[in-house]
Every structure is written in structure tokens, then in C-alpha cells.
PDB file of N, CA and C in Angstrom:
ATOM      1  N   GLN A   1    -110.885 -67.191   9.257  1.00  0.00           N
ATOM      2  CA  GLN A   1    -110.137 -68.034   8.360  1.00  0.00           C
ATOM      3  C   GLN A   1    -109.189 -67.199   7.493  1.00  0.00           C
ATOM      4  N   GLY A   2    -109.657 -66.067   7.011  1.00  0.00           N
ATOM      5  CA  GLY A   2    -108.821 -65.196   6.191  1.00  0.00           C
ATOM      6  C   GLY A   2    -107.628 -64.643   6.941  1.00  0.00           C
ATOM      7  N   LYS A   3    -107.829 -64.271   8.199  1.00  0.00           N
ATOM      8  CA  LYS A   3    -106.727 -63.738   9.005  1.00  0.00           C
ATOM      9  C   LYS A   3    -105.656 -64.793   9.233  1.00  0.00           C
ATOM     10  N   ALA A   4    -106.067 -66.035   9.418  1.00  0.00           N
ATOM     11  CA  ALA A   4    -105.107 -67.126   9.587  1.00  0.00           C
ATOM     12  C   ALA A   4    -104.272 -67.308   8.323  1.00  0.00           C
ATOM     13  N   VAL A   5    -104.910 -67.179   7.163  1.00  0.00           N
ATOM     14  CA  VAL A   5    -104.190 -67.303   5.900  1.00  0.00           C
ATOM     15  C   VAL A   5    -103.187 -66.165   5.750  1.00  0.00           C
ATOM     16  N   VAL A   6    -103.585 -64.939   6.054  1.00  0.00           N
ATOM     17  CA  VAL A   6    -102.664 -63.799   5.969  1.00  0.00           C
ATOM     18  C   VAL A   6    -101.452 -64.049   6.859  1.00  0.00           C
ATOM     19  N   ASN A   7    -101.671 -64.517   8.076  1.00  0.00           N
ATOM     20  CA  ASN A   7    -100.556 -64.794   8.983  1.00  0.00           C
ATOM     21  C   ASN A   7     -99.652 -65.890   8.442  1.00  0.00           C
ATOM     22  N   ASN A   8    -100.220 -66.934   7.862  1.00  0.00           N
ATOM     23  CA  ASN A   8     -99.407 -68.012   7.320  1.00  0.00           C
ATOM     24  C   ASN A   8     -98.668 -67.599   6.054  1.00  0.00           C
ATOM     25  N   LEU A   9     -99.225 -66.693   5.274  1.00  0.00           N
ATOM     26  CA  LEU A   9     -98.523 -66.206   4.093  1.00  0.00           C
ATOM     27  C   LEU A   9     -97.253 -65.460   4.478  1.00  0.00           C
ATOM     28  N   LYS A  10     -97.257 -64.821   5.617  1.00  0.00           N
ATOM     29  CA  LYS A  10     -96.052 -64.124   6.084  1.00  0.00           C
ATOM     30  C   LYS A  10     -94.911 -65.103   6.327  1.00  0.00           C
ATOM     31  N   HIS A  11     -95.235 -66.334   6.721  1.00  0.00           N
ATOM     32  CA  HIS A  11     -94.215 -67.368   6.902  1.00  0.00           C
ATOM     33  C   HIS A  11     -93.637 -67.823   5.568  1.00  0.00           C
ATOM     34  N   LEU A  12     -94.346 -67.536   4.474  1.00  0.00           N
ATOM     35  CA  LEU A  12     -93.875 -67.862   3.132  1.00  0.00           C
ATOM     36  C   LEU A  12     -93.215 -66.653   2.470  1.00  0.00           C
ATOM     37  N   ASP A  13     -92.874 -65.643   3.258  1.00  0.00           N
ATOM     38  CA  ASP A  13     -92.264 -64.400   2.784  1.00  0.00           C
ATOM     39  C   ASP A  13     -93.166 -63.617   1.846  1.00  0.00           C
ATOM     40  N   LEU A  14     -94.469 -63.707   2.046  1.00  0.00           N
ATOM     41  CA  LEU A  14     -95.436 -62.898   1.298  1.00  0.00           C
ATOM     42  C   LEU A  14     -96.023 -61.874   2.264  1.00  0.00           C
ATOM     43  N   HIS A  15     -95.235 -60.853   2.550  1.00  0.00           N
ATOM     44  CA  HIS A  15     -95.590 -59.856   3.554  1.00  0.00           C
ATOM     45  C   HIS A  15     -96.522 -58.763   3.029  1.00  0.00           C
ATOM     46  N   ASP A  16     -96.678 -58.644   1.718  1.00  0.00           N
ATOM     47  CA  ASP A  16     -97.460 -57.559   1.140  1.00  0.00           C
ATOM     48  C   ASP A  16     -98.944 -57.897   1.002  1.00  0.00           C
ATOM     49  N   VAL A  17     -99.378 -59.049   1.511  1.00  0.00           N
ATOM     50  CA  VAL A  17    -100.796 -59.411   1.465  1.00  0.00           C
ATOM     51  C   VAL A  17    -101.466 -58.781   2.677  1.00  0.00           C
ATOM     52  N   SER A  18    -102.456 -57.934   2.438  1.00  0.00           N
ATOM     53  CA  SER A  18    -103.093 -57.219   3.542  1.00  0.00           C
ATOM     54  C   SER A  18    -104.445 -57.794   3.925  1.00  0.00           C
ATOM     55  N   ASP A  19    -105.077 -58.548   3.013  1.00  0.00           N
ATOM     56  CA  ASP A  19    -106.409 -59.069   3.321  1.00  0.00           C
ATOM     57  C   ASP A  19    -106.677 -60.313   2.489  1.00  0.00           C
ATOM     58  N   VAL A  20    -107.299 -61.297   3.106  1.00  0.00           N
ATOM     59  CA  VAL A  20    -107.756 -62.496   2.404  1.00  0.00           C
ATOM     60  C   VAL A  20    -109.175 -62.766   2.873  1.00  0.00           C
ATOM     61  N   ARG A  21    -110.066 -62.988   1.918  1.00  0.00           N
ATOM     62  CA  ARG A  21    -111.456 -63.330   2.236  1.00  0.00           C
ATOM     63  C   ARG A  21    -111.746 -64.681   1.587  1.00  0.00           C
ATOM     64  N   ILE A  22    -112.271 -65.583   2.411  1.00  0.00           N
ATOM     65  CA  ILE A  22    -112.524 -66.937   1.943  1.00  0.00           C
ATOM     66  C   ILE A  22    -114.010 -67.222   2.004  1.00  0.00           C
ATOM     67  N   GLY A  23    -114.534 -67.639   0.889  1.00  0.00           N
ATOM     68  CA  GLY A  23    -115.927 -68.042   0.764  1.00  0.00           C
ATOM     69  C   GLY A  23    -115.975 -69.031  -0.380  1.00  0.00           C
ATOM     70  N   ARG A  24    -116.909 -68.847  -1.270  1.00  0.00           N
ATOM     71  CA  ARG A  24    -116.923 -69.689  -2.462  1.00  0.00           C
ATOM     72  C   ARG A  24    -115.670 -69.433  -3.297  1.00  0.00           C
ATOM     73  N   HIS A  25    -115.226 -68.185  -3.298  1.00  0.00           N
ATOM     74  CA  HIS A  25    -113.980 -67.787  -3.956  1.00  0.00           C
ATOM     75  C   HIS A  25    -113.047 -67.223  -2.901  1.00  0.00           C
ATOM     76  N   VAL A  26    -111.777 -67.223  -3.196  1.00  0.00           N
ATOM     77  CA  VAL A  26    -110.788 -66.600  -2.315  1.00  0.00           C
ATOM     78  C   VAL A  26    -110.404 -65.270  -2.945  1.00  0.00           C
ATOM     79  N   SER A  27    -110.463 -64.213  -2.174  1.00  0.00           N
ATOM     80  CA  SER A  27    -110.106 -62.879  -2.639  1.00  0.00           C
ATOM     81  C   SER A  27    -108.910 -62.396  -1.819  1.00  0.00           C
ATOM     82  N   MET A  28    -107.859 -61.942  -2.509  1.00  0.00           N
ATOM     83  CA  MET A  28    -106.656 -61.444  -1.833  1.00  0.00           C
ATOM     84  C   MET A  28    -106.403 -60.004  -2.234  1.00  0.00           C
ATOM     85  N   THR A  29    -105.990 -59.212  -1.276  1.00  0.00           N
ATOM     86  CA  THR A  29    -105.543 -57.851  -1.539  1.00  0.00           C
ATOM     87  C   THR A  29    -104.051 -57.814  -1.253  1.00  0.00           C
ATOM     88  N   LEU A  30    -103.265 -57.390  -2.246  1.00  0.00           N
ATOM     89  CA  LEU A  30    -101.816 -57.358  -2.050  1.00  0.00           C
ATOM     90  C   LEU A  30    -101.207 -56.196  -2.796  1.00  0.00           C
ATOM     91  N   GLU A  31     -99.983 -55.872  -2.429  1.00  0.00           N
ATOM     92  CA  GLU A  31     -99.237 -54.809  -3.098  1.00  0.00           C
ATOM     93  C   GLU A  31     -98.135 -55.440  -3.924  1.00  0.00           C
ATOM     94  N   ALA A  32     -97.961 -54.928  -5.141  1.00  0.00           N
ATOM     95  CA  ALA A  32     -96.897 -55.385  -6.030  1.00  0.00           C
ATOM     96  C   ALA A  32     -96.494 -54.237  -6.935  1.00  0.00           C
ATOM     97  N   THR A  33     -95.254 -54.250  -7.367  1.00  0.00           N
ATOM     98  CA  THR A  33     -94.761 -53.172  -8.223  1.00  0.00           C
ATOM     99  C   THR A  33     -95.068 -53.416  -9.691  1.00  0.00           C
ATOM    100  N   SER A  34     -95.449 -54.655 -10.036  1.00  0.00           N
ATOM    101  CA  SER A  34     -95.779 -54.970 -11.425  1.00  0.00           C
ATOM    102  C   SER A  34     -96.782 -56.117 -11.464  1.00  0.00           C
ATOM    103  N   GLU A  35     -97.366 -56.326 -12.627  1.00  0.00           N
ATOM    104  CA  GLU A  35     -98.305 -57.433 -12.793  1.00  0.00           C
ATOM    105  C   GLU A  35     -97.580 -58.773 -12.643  1.00  0.00           C
ATOM    106  N   ALA A  36     -96.356 -58.844 -13.137  1.00  0.00           N
ATOM    107  CA  ALA A  36     -95.573 -60.083 -13.018  1.00  0.00           C
ATOM    108  C   ALA A  36     -95.307 -60.425 -11.560  1.00  0.00           C
ATOM    109  N   GLU A  37     -94.995 -59.421 -10.757  1.00  0.00           N
ATOM    110  CA  GLU A  37     -94.758 -59.653  -9.332  1.00  0.00           C
ATOM    111  C   GLU A  37     -96.047 -60.107  -8.646  1.00  0.00           C
ATOM    112  N   ALA A  38     -97.166 -59.507  -8.997  1.00  0.00           N
ATOM    113  CA  ALA A  38     -98.446 -59.909  -8.420  1.00  0.00           C
ATOM    114  C   ALA A  38     -98.770 -61.349  -8.788  1.00  0.00           C
ATOM    115  N   GLN A  39     -98.547 -61.722 -10.046  1.00  0.00           N
ATOM    116  CA  GLN A  39     -98.793 -63.106 -10.465  1.00  0.00           C
ATOM    117  C   GLN A  39     -97.920 -64.077  -9.686  1.00  0.00           C
ATOM    118  N   GLN A  40     -96.667 -63.725  -9.492  1.00  0.00           N
ATOM    119  CA  GLN A  40     -95.746 -64.595  -8.760  1.00  0.00           C
ATOM    120  C   GLN A  40     -96.208 -64.782  -7.325  1.00  0.00           C
ATOM    121  N   LYS A  41     -96.672 -63.722  -6.697  1.00  0.00           N
ATOM    122  CA  LYS A  41     -97.140 -63.813  -5.311  1.00  0.00           C
ATOM    123  C   LYS A  41     -98.397 -64.672  -5.207  1.00  0.00           C
ATOM    124  N   VAL A  42     -99.323 -64.501  -6.147  1.00  0.00           N
ATOM    125  CA  VAL A  42    -100.553 -65.288  -6.123  1.00  0.00           C
ATOM    126  C   VAL A  42    -100.245 -66.759  -6.389  1.00  0.00           C
ATOM    127  N   GLU A  43     -99.378 -67.032  -7.347  1.00  0.00           N
ATOM    128  CA  GLU A  43     -98.992 -68.420  -7.637  1.00  0.00           C
ATOM    129  C   GLU A  43     -98.364 -69.082  -6.414  1.00  0.00           C
ATOM    130  N   THR A  44     -97.472 -68.374  -5.752  1.00  0.00           N
ATOM    131  CA  THR A  44     -96.829 -68.918  -4.558  1.00  0.00           C
ATOM    132  C   THR A  44     -97.859 -69.215  -3.481  1.00  0.00           C
ATOM    133  N   ALA A  45     -98.773 -68.293  -3.253  1.00  0.00           N
ATOM    134  CA  ALA A  45     -99.806 -68.492  -2.238  1.00  0.00           C
ATOM    135  C   ALA A  45    -100.684 -69.693  -2.583  1.00  0.00           C
ATOM    136  N   CYS A  46    -101.058 -69.822  -3.837  1.00  0.00           N
ATOM    137  CA  CYS A  46    -101.910 -70.943  -4.249  1.00  0.00           C
ATOM    138  C   CYS A  46    -101.177 -72.271  -4.122  1.00  0.00           C
ATOM    139  N   GLN A  47     -99.963 -72.335  -4.621  1.00  0.00           N
ATOM    140  CA  GLN A  47     -99.212 -73.585  -4.629  1.00  0.00           C
ATOM    141  C   GLN A  47     -98.819 -74.042  -3.233  1.00  0.00           C
ATOM    142  N   LYS A  48     -98.442 -73.112  -2.369  1.00  0.00           N
ATOM    143  CA  LYS A  48     -97.910 -73.500  -1.068  1.00  0.00           C
ATOM    144  C   LYS A  48     -98.915 -73.503   0.064  1.00  0.00           C
ATOM    145  N   LEU A  49    -100.075 -72.848  -0.123  1.00  0.00           N
ATOM    146  CA  LEU A  49    -100.990 -72.729   1.007  1.00  0.00           C
ATOM    147  C   LEU A  49    -102.459 -72.905   0.652  1.00  0.00           C
ATOM    148  N   LEU A  50    -102.921 -72.279  -0.397  1.00  0.00           N
ATOM    149  CA  LEU A  50    -104.358 -72.193  -0.633  1.00  0.00           C
ATOM    150  C   LEU A  50    -104.969 -73.394  -1.347  1.00  0.00           C
ATOM    151  N   ALA A  51    -104.223 -74.054  -2.209  1.00  0.00           N
ATOM    152  CA  ALA A  51    -104.791 -75.133  -3.014  1.00  0.00           C
ATOM    153  C   ALA A  51    -104.098 -76.458  -2.743  1.00  0.00           C
ATOM    154  N   ASN A  52    -104.865 -77.519  -2.756  1.00  0.00           N
ATOM    155  CA  ASN A  52    -104.342 -78.873  -2.676  1.00  0.00           C
ATOM    156  C   ASN A  52    -104.242 -79.374  -4.116  1.00  0.00           C
ATOM    157  N   ALA A  53    -103.045 -79.375  -4.676  1.00  0.00           N
ATOM    158  CA  ALA A  53    -102.844 -79.679  -6.094  1.00  0.00           C
ATOM    159  C   ALA A  53    -103.297 -81.084  -6.467  1.00  0.00           C
ATOM    160  N   ILE A  54    -103.381 -81.989  -5.519  1.00  0.00           N
ATOM    161  CA  ILE A  54    -103.811 -83.355  -5.807  1.00  0.00           C
ATOM    162  C   ILE A  54    -105.309 -83.397  -6.088  1.00  0.00           C
ATOM    163  N   MET A  55    -106.076 -82.592  -5.374  1.00  0.00           N
ATOM    164  CA  MET A  55    -107.531 -82.661  -5.467  1.00  0.00           C
ATOM    165  C   MET A  55    -108.186 -81.439  -6.098  1.00  0.00           C
ATOM    166  N   GLU A  56    -107.467 -80.346  -6.215  1.00  0.00           N
ATOM    167  CA  GLU A  56    -108.079 -79.087  -6.636  1.00  0.00           C
ATOM    168  C   GLU A  56    -107.312 -78.448  -7.788  1.00  0.00           C
ATOM    169  N   THR A  57    -108.027 -77.687  -8.558  1.00  0.00           N
ATOM    170  CA  THR A  57    -107.401 -76.805  -9.539  1.00  0.00           C
ATOM    171  C   THR A  57    -107.761 -75.377  -9.143  1.00  0.00           C
ATOM    172  N   TYR A  58    -107.033 -74.433  -9.662  1.00  0.00           N
ATOM    173  CA  TYR A  58    -107.347 -73.044  -9.347  1.00  0.00           C
ATOM    174  C   TYR A  58    -107.098 -72.169 -10.565  1.00  0.00           C
ATOM    175  N   HIS A  59    -107.795 -71.084 -10.586  1.00  0.00           N
ATOM    176  CA  HIS A  59    -107.644 -70.041 -11.603  1.00  0.00           C
ATOM    177  C   HIS A  59    -107.697 -68.717 -10.859  1.00  0.00           C
ATOM    178  N   TYR A  60    -107.026 -67.730 -11.368  1.00  0.00           N
ATOM    179  CA  TYR A  60    -107.084 -66.432 -10.721  1.00  0.00           C
ATOM    180  C   TYR A  60    -107.155 -65.325 -11.747  1.00  0.00           C
ATOM    181  N   GLN A  61    -107.635 -64.207 -11.267  1.00  0.00           N
ATOM    182  CA  GLN A  61    -107.778 -63.020 -12.094  1.00  0.00           C
ATOM    183  C   GLN A  61    -107.207 -61.846 -11.304  1.00  0.00           C
ATOM    184  N   LEU A  62    -106.326 -61.091 -11.930  1.00  0.00           N
ATOM    185  CA  LEU A  62    -105.741 -59.920 -11.286  1.00  0.00           C
ATOM    186  C   LEU A  62    -106.544 -58.680 -11.643  1.00  0.00           C
ATOM    187  N   LYS A  63    -106.767 -57.849 -10.659  1.00  0.00           N
ATOM    188  CA  LYS A  63    -107.443 -56.569 -10.877  1.00  0.00           C
ATOM    189  C   LYS A  63    -106.578 -55.483 -10.274  1.00  0.00           C
ATOM    190  N   GLY A  64    -106.221 -54.499 -11.047  1.00  0.00           N
ATOM    191  CA  GLY A  64    -105.430 -53.377 -10.563  1.00  0.00           C
ATOM    192  C   GLY A  64    -106.316 -52.230 -10.120  1.00  0.00           C
ATOM    193  N   GLU A  65    -105.732 -51.339  -9.360  1.00  0.00           N
ATOM    194  CA  GLU A  65    -106.481 -50.152  -8.916  1.00  0.00           C
ATOM    195  C   GLU A  65    -106.168 -48.990  -9.796  1.00  0.00           C
TER     196      GLU A  65
END
């Protein structure tokens, strides 16, 4: 399921996502040059692919290396 999401994110021009793990929570690994860029990428992924805004809400937390 995670690999399918990574492939579909590429169709949304989110090429820097290297891993997605789906379970009770969704975990994404991505590259970004700033925290703002990372937030924008996560928001885009949630709004366009990961969450159904009619039925679901989402929250995310960024962790840097």
C-alpha cells in the first residue's frame, strides 16, 4: 500500500518522497530544503491523496534529522 502511495505522489509532482508506511498512522520520509517546503509537501499529499476531507481530519508532525 505504501509503495502505491509513493508512486501516486510522483503524479502530483512530489518526487522527493522516498517511503510511505501505512498502518494506524501514515509515516512519510521526504527530502526538503526547509521546514516550510516540507509542510507544503505534506499538506499537498494529505489534501490530494491521503485524506478524504469529507469524512476525515488529519494532523501531522514534522521530524528533522
